[in-house]
Amino acid sequence: MKYHKIDSSLFINNRKNFMSKMKPSSLAVFNSNDIYPISADSTMPFAQHRDIFYLSGVDQEESILVMFPDCPKENHREVLFLKETNAHIAVWEGEKLTKEAALATSGIKTVYWLKDMEKIMFELMTQCDTVYINTNEHYRASVETETREDRFTKWLTNKYPAHSVAKSNPILQRLRSVKGQIELDLLQKACDITEKGFRRVLNFVKSDVWEYNIEAEFMHEFLNNRSKGFAYTPIIGSGNNANVLHYIENNQQCKAGELILIDAGAEYANYASDMTRTIPVSGRFSKRQRDVYDAVNRVKNDATKLLVPGTLWAEYHIEVGKLMTSELLGLGLLDKADVQNEDKDWPAYKKYFMHGTSHHMGLDTHDYGILTEPMQANNVFTVEPGIYIPDEGFGIRLEDDVVIQEHGAPFNLMRNIPIEAEEIEEIMNS
């Protein structure tokens, strides 16, 4: 892995917290992701399933974690099954985790090779009453591919149909949404790498560069700072491309006088950052561009102040809508009649700001978190308002990642990334 070794206490504590929520005489199983084929002998780069990583730190394929806190055998209360490594594999694929390295990574003492999994699982299943299966219940999830986790769950429930079945996901939704200090440090590292990429881009952009040139500058900086690359597919949208919310082609030339909406963030140790900035191709905002830019920035700053313990996600978005409505009236994009006659299910401001303002951040760019429960300290949220004006040929979105504090304003993990219009212009023209 490119990233520095993570303190195993993170994973030890995560398992402890998860097991404290399990039913008596129950067992929980978590699988790694597959390596997905492209064609012939080509594969996509491996990306670990975030849940097994969160609970073990294991970052390789063909891995299984079992937790059984009430197991009669103490050494079977936490078990890892790993792909067996040997000298041949080390030569052809690179070193895989040994049993000793797995202990150092995860803090789990009992490690078996996968060839012993069915035999050991039979013993464990005869000793438990309930098995926790791991399903993807994220509110944005839409998965068509059968995963390794799906196949294992099918095998397990078919082989042991008399066991009660429980779900891991509700436990993980709550646990993963509240970050400990080690996780916050990893998120900060991802944001710091993103800052390096953005500062590089500010010194690079000029008239007639291509959107993909900008994407390449980010990637250069990310890889040089121990990141695998982008935490998600980047958006580099110049001119009217910025008005396509999920524009990812990044294949157009950036013309003088246009704005470029950049939605790009580095990953680090599987943790994501999520940044959006909008910059002028020529290094200066026009008056109209600047007026809209400052309006978006004011909404972002005021919305951030609302992210405090006890806030409800749905109510928060209603309040942000009021902030945005006020700014759109000031810009002349809405008038009082638009607001008075608006559809309450699709308020007038949605014509120019049609997406949500915040989502959970963490191991996933859209991380786990139960949106119907009040916000709490150490939740990490994005704040990303935007105003999109196709008729004027530009769109502006600004986005930071912030940590909710027990008291006071949220802590901005992107506090060092330039965002004020004056600073962006100054750097671009230095």
Foldseek 3Di string as FASTA:
>chain_A
DLFDAFQLVQLVVLQVLLVVPDDAQEKEKDFWWDFAADDDPHTDDGATDVVCCRNFVFGDHPKMWMAGCNDPDPLPRIEMEAADDDPVCCVVPNDHDDLVNSCRRHVRNHYHYPVCVVVVVVVSVVRGQEYEQEDDDPPPDDDDDQIPSNVVVVVVCVVPVRHHYDYSVVSCLVSQQFDDPSQVVQQLLQLVLQLVLQLQLLQPFAAFDFQVVSQVSSQVSQVVSSFPHWLDQKAWAKWQRVQPPPDRPRGGTHHAQIKIWIWTTTHHSLFIFTWIAIAGRHLAHDPLRQLQLVLQVVLLVVLQQQQAFFDAQVVSQVVSVVSQVVSCCVSVVDDPVQQVPADPVQHSSCVFWVDGFKAFGGSHRRDRHDRGDTHHFRRKMKGKTKGRDVVVGHIGIGIWIWTHHNDDGTHTSNPPRDHNSVVSSVSSVD
